[in-house]
Structure formats: C-alpha cells, structure tokens
C-alpha cells in the first residue's frame, strides 16, 4: 500500500472516530486525545493529518452527510446504461437517501445535530451547513422540476422537504429507539404529496460509515 493511500485511510479513520465521539459523547467531549484513542492512534497523528482539532471536527461535520450523497448517487446510478433516470425515482432517492437505516443511525444523527447546533457560533460550521442545505435543496428541487412542478413551487416544496428531513434527523438523535419503520417516508409523502409516493429504491443500498 502506497503512502498516499495509507494517509487517506488514516484521515478517514480519524474523521470516523470524531463523528463517533461527537455522536456518543457530545461536541465538548471530543478532545484530540479521545478521538485519537477511538481511532487507535496517537494524538500526535491527529496533528500530522489535520492542522488542529477544529480542522478535524469540520471534516467530521462534513462527513455526517456524505453517506446521504453516496446513497443518492447509488440509487440514481442503478438505472441501466442509456436509460434516463425518471424524475420520480430522483425524488424518491433524494428523500430516502436521508432515511436508509444504515445512513440514519442514532450516532450519526446525534453527531450531525451536535455540529448543526453550533452553526450560529462557528463560521466554519455555518459554511458547511450552508453547503449541505444547498446540495439537499438542489437535488429535491431538480427532481420536482422534472415532475413538472413550477419553479417557485418546486423551491418552496424543496425547502419544506429539507426542513422535514432535518427534523427527522433531530428526532432520530433524541428519541429513544429512533424512528419507527416507515415513519420518515410517511411524513415526506404528506409534505410532497402528490408528487412523492414512497417506494424503496434504496433498499439494497449499503453506504459507508
């Protein structure tokens, strides 16, 4: 294994450890020492791969929603070559990528919620949050537009759906036992009706941690 590949793996392991630490113990508890211990590395390696703890935690915040993007890409990429992706499938994928059980875990939801709560006070987190919301709303809006929903209505519905999805992540982080099976899909059906009808295009998706 080359040095570059090993460095990438170690960075990813530290980011995953940071997400796990914030999700299980809280943002304030996410010290360099605890994150390094969770990654089975020395604290010195954290400073080798990241400029400081803030740099690592910002990477961890970005990582909390990366599995959503991976699940979405996997779903829309499952169409046979040469076939256009139906707008209805794009909408289902944009919604349900957030709700796949392997994506919406209590720990990931708690980490995302912990980071997001600090966005009014940290400019780096605010930028990450703005980018997450822009990608989220863009995918929803594009799918709705493909279904013939007008520009302003598509934008309004995309924002409503994004807010509902974020609320579900907060609920998954704070409710004992997490969400009930199918609960999120039912909520989004009500928000996006009649454009969205829940199927299960991501049932076989297994995005990375």
Protein backbone atom coordinates (compact mmCIF):
# COMPACT_ATOMS: atom_id res chain seq x y z
CA UNK A 1 0.00 0.00 0.00
CA UNK A 2 1.40 3.38 -1.01
CA UNK A 3 1.98 6.19 1.44
CA UNK A 4 -0.77 8.32 -0.10
CA UNK A 5 -3.33 5.52 0.27
CA UNK A 6 -2.31 4.92 3.87
CA UNK A 7 -2.58 8.62 4.67
CA UNK A 8 -6.09 8.69 3.16
CA UNK A 9 -7.16 5.69 5.22
CA UNK A 10 -5.81 7.19 8.43
CA UNK A 11 -7.52 10.51 7.77
CA UNK A 12 -10.80 8.72 7.14
CA UNK A 13 -10.37 6.68 10.32
CA UNK A 14 -9.78 9.82 12.37
CA UNK A 15 -12.82 11.52 10.82
CA UNK A 16 -14.97 8.46 11.56
CA UNK A 17 -13.66 8.42 15.13
CA UNK A 18 -14.51 12.11 15.50
CA UNK A 19 -18.07 11.52 14.26
CA UNK A 20 -18.42 8.60 16.66
CA UNK A 21 -17.05 10.60 19.60
CA UNK A 22 -19.28 13.62 19.00
CA UNK A 23 -22.30 11.38 18.44
CA UNK A 24 -21.77 9.33 21.60
CA UNK A 25 -20.19 11.80 24.00
CA UNK A 26 -21.03 15.27 22.69
CA UNK A 27 -19.10 18.02 20.96
CA UNK A 28 -17.41 19.34 24.09
CA UNK A 29 -16.13 15.86 24.94
CA UNK A 30 -14.48 15.45 21.53
CA UNK A 31 -10.90 16.15 22.57
CA UNK A 32 -7.93 15.20 20.43
CA UNK A 33 -6.97 12.54 22.96
CA UNK A 34 -10.41 10.91 22.92
CA UNK A 35 -10.69 10.97 19.16
CA UNK A 36 -7.20 9.51 18.76
CA UNK A 37 -8.00 6.78 21.29
CA UNK A 38 -11.21 5.93 19.44
CA UNK A 39 -9.19 5.64 16.22
CA UNK A 40 -6.48 3.59 17.99
CA UNK A 41 -3.86 6.18 17.10
CA UNK A 42 -1.58 8.52 18.99
CA UNK A 43 -2.68 12.15 19.47
CA UNK A 44 0.38 13.22 17.51
CA UNK A 45 -1.05 11.64 14.36
CA UNK A 46 -4.10 13.87 14.62
CA UNK A 47 -1.87 16.91 14.28
CA UNK A 48 0.01 15.23 11.45
CA UNK A 49 -3.13 14.82 9.34
CA UNK A 50 -5.10 17.89 10.46
CA UNK A 51 -3.95 21.40 11.23
CA UNK A 52 -5.80 21.40 14.56
CA UNK A 53 -8.82 19.93 16.32
CA UNK A 54 -11.13 22.42 14.62
CA UNK A 55 -9.95 21.23 11.21
CA UNK A 56 -10.67 17.60 12.17
CA UNK A 57 -14.10 18.40 13.59
CA UNK A 58 -15.06 20.39 10.50
CA UNK A 59 -14.14 17.34 8.40
CA UNK A 60 -16.26 15.22 10.71
CA UNK A 61 -19.24 17.57 10.28
CA UNK A 62 -18.94 17.29 6.50
CA UNK A 63 -18.71 13.51 6.85
CA UNK A 64 -22.01 13.21 8.70
CA UNK A 65 -23.97 13.81 5.49
CA UNK A 66 -21.61 12.19 2.96
CA UNK A 67 -23.41 8.81 3.19
CA UNK A 68 -26.60 10.59 2.09
CA UNK A 69 -24.92 11.72 -1.11
CA UNK A 70 -23.44 8.23 -1.62
CA UNK A 71 -26.86 6.59 -1.25
CA UNK A 72 -28.43 9.07 -3.67
CA UNK A 73 -25.74 8.51 -6.30
CA UNK A 74 -26.04 4.74 -5.86
CA UNK A 75 -29.79 4.86 -6.38
CA UNK A 76 -29.85 7.06 -9.47
CA UNK A 77 -26.85 5.23 -10.89
CA UNK A 78 -28.66 1.90 -10.74
CA UNK A 79 -30.53 2.56 -13.99
CA UNK A 80 -29.34 0.52 -16.99
CA UNK A 81 -26.90 2.36 -19.30
CA UNK A 82 -28.66 4.51 -21.86
CA UNK A 83 -31.82 4.91 -19.77
CA UNK A 84 -32.72 8.31 -18.34
CA UNK A 85 -33.40 8.36 -14.61
CA UNK A 86 -37.14 9.02 -14.08
CA UNK A 87 -37.85 12.20 -12.13
CA UNK A 88 -39.99 10.21 -9.71
CA UNK A 89 -37.05 7.97 -8.87
CA UNK A 90 -34.83 11.01 -8.43
CA UNK A 91 -37.28 12.45 -5.94
CA UNK A 92 -37.57 9.19 -4.01
CA UNK A 93 -33.79 8.85 -3.99
CA UNK A 94 -33.29 12.44 -2.80
CA UNK A 95 -35.70 11.81 0.08
CA UNK A 96 -34.93 8.24 1.04
CA UNK A 97 -31.15 8.61 0.87
CA UNK A 98 -31.57 10.51 4.16
CA UNK A 99 -33.64 7.71 5.72
CA UNK A 100 -31.78 4.49 4.89
CA UNK A 101 -31.24 2.79 8.29
CA UNK A 102 -27.52 2.37 7.62
CA UNK A 103 -27.31 6.12 6.96
CA UNK A 104 -29.66 7.49 9.63
CA UNK A 105 -28.10 5.87 12.67
CA UNK A 106 -28.64 7.38 16.12
CA UNK A 107 -24.92 8.12 16.47
CA UNK A 108 -24.62 9.84 13.09
CA UNK A 109 -27.83 11.78 13.69
CA UNK A 110 -26.59 12.87 17.13
CA UNK A 111 -23.24 13.97 15.72
CA UNK A 112 -24.90 15.93 12.91
CA UNK A 113 -27.31 17.56 15.37
CA UNK A 114 -24.47 18.47 17.71
CA UNK A 115 -22.48 20.14 14.95
CA UNK A 116 -25.53 21.87 13.48
CA UNK A 117 -26.50 23.36 16.84
CA UNK A 118 -23.20 25.26 16.83
CA UNK A 119 -23.57 26.81 13.37
CA UNK A 120 -24.72 30.21 14.75
CA UNK A 121 -21.44 30.46 16.65
CA UNK A 122 -18.84 28.96 14.30
CA UNK A 123 -18.30 30.37 10.84
CA UNK A 124 -16.69 27.15 9.54
CA UNK A 125 -19.69 25.09 10.64
CA UNK A 126 -22.06 27.66 9.15
CA UNK A 127 -20.33 27.33 5.76
CA UNK A 128 -20.56 23.54 5.92
CA UNK A 129 -24.23 23.72 6.87
CA UNK A 130 -24.98 26.13 4.02
CA UNK A 131 -23.30 23.78 1.54
CA UNK A 132 -25.24 20.79 2.90
CA UNK A 133 -28.55 22.62 2.59
CA UNK A 134 -27.74 23.88 -0.91
CA UNK A 135 -27.00 20.35 -2.17
CA UNK A 136 -30.03 18.95 -0.39
CA UNK A 137 -32.45 21.54 -1.75
CA UNK A 138 -30.92 21.43 -5.22
CA UNK A 139 -31.49 17.68 -5.57
CA UNK A 140 -35.06 17.96 -4.33
CA UNK A 141 -35.83 20.99 -6.49
CA UNK A 142 -34.38 19.39 -9.63
CA UNK A 143 -36.45 16.24 -9.14
CA UNK A 144 -39.62 18.23 -8.54
CA UNK A 145 -38.97 20.36 -11.60
CA UNK A 146 -38.57 17.17 -13.61
CA UNK A 147 -42.05 16.17 -12.47
CA UNK A 148 -43.46 19.40 -13.89
CA UNK A 149 -43.67 21.37 -10.65
CA UNK A 150 -43.26 25.12 -11.30
CA UNK A 151 -40.10 26.95 -10.31
CA UNK A 152 -41.32 28.81 -7.21
CA UNK A 153 -43.46 25.90 -6.04
CA UNK A 154 -40.56 23.48 -6.57
CA UNK A 155 -38.29 25.73 -4.49
CA UNK A 156 -40.86 26.04 -1.69
CA UNK A 157 -41.52 22.29 -1.62
CA UNK A 158 -37.78 21.54 -1.66
CA UNK A 159 -37.24 23.74 1.39
CA UNK A 160 -40.23 22.18 3.19
CA UNK A 161 -38.92 18.69 2.46
CA UNK A 162 -35.40 19.63 3.56
CA UNK A 163 -36.74 21.00 6.85
CA UNK A 164 -38.78 17.83 7.38
CA UNK A 165 -35.74 15.64 6.73
CA UNK A 166 -33.60 17.67 9.12
CA UNK A 167 -36.35 17.35 11.74
CA UNK A 168 -36.33 13.59 11.29
CA UNK A 169 -32.58 13.51 11.85
CA UNK A 170 -33.03 15.51 15.05
CA UNK A 171 -35.80 13.15 16.14
CA UNK A 172 -33.62 10.13 15.41
CA UNK A 173 -30.88 11.68 17.55
CA UNK A 174 -33.09 12.47 20.54
CA UNK A 175 -35.88 9.89 20.63
CA UNK A 176 -35.16 6.67 22.47
CA UNK A 177 -35.31 3.87 19.93
CA UNK A 178 -35.05 6.23 16.96
CA UNK A 179 -37.62 6.49 14.20
CA UNK A 180 -40.33 3.91 13.60
CA UNK A 181 -40.02 1.93 10.36
CA UNK A 182 -41.54 3.93 7.53
CA UNK A 183 -42.22 6.97 9.72
CA UNK A 184 -39.98 9.29 7.75
CA UNK A 185 -41.36 8.22 4.40
CA UNK A 186 -44.93 8.84 5.57
CA UNK A 187 -44.04 12.35 6.71
CA UNK A 188 -42.37 13.19 3.42
CA UNK A 189 -45.32 11.80 1.48
CA UNK A 190 -47.53 14.29 3.30
CA UNK A 191 -45.13 17.17 2.67
CA UNK A 192 -44.59 16.43 -1.02
CA UNK A 193 -47.98 14.96 -1.98
CA UNK A 194 -48.99 14.25 -4.69
CA UNK A 195 -45.51 14.28 -6.24
CA UNK A 196 -43.84 11.73 -3.96
CA UNK A 197 -45.02 8.18 -3.39
CA UNK A 198 -42.72 6.12 -1.21
CA UNK A 199 -41.24 3.04 -2.78
CA UNK A 200 -37.93 1.55 -1.70
CA UNK A 201 -35.32 2.36 -4.36
CA UNK A 202 -32.52 2.25 -1.79
CA UNK A 203 -33.48 -0.96 -0.01
CA UNK A 204 -30.25 -2.66 -1.06
CA UNK A 205 -28.01 0.36 -0.63
CA UNK A 206 -25.31 -0.06 1.96
CA UNK A 207 -23.44 3.26 2.09
CA UNK A 208 -20.17 3.50 4.00
CA UNK A 209 -19.98 4.72 7.58
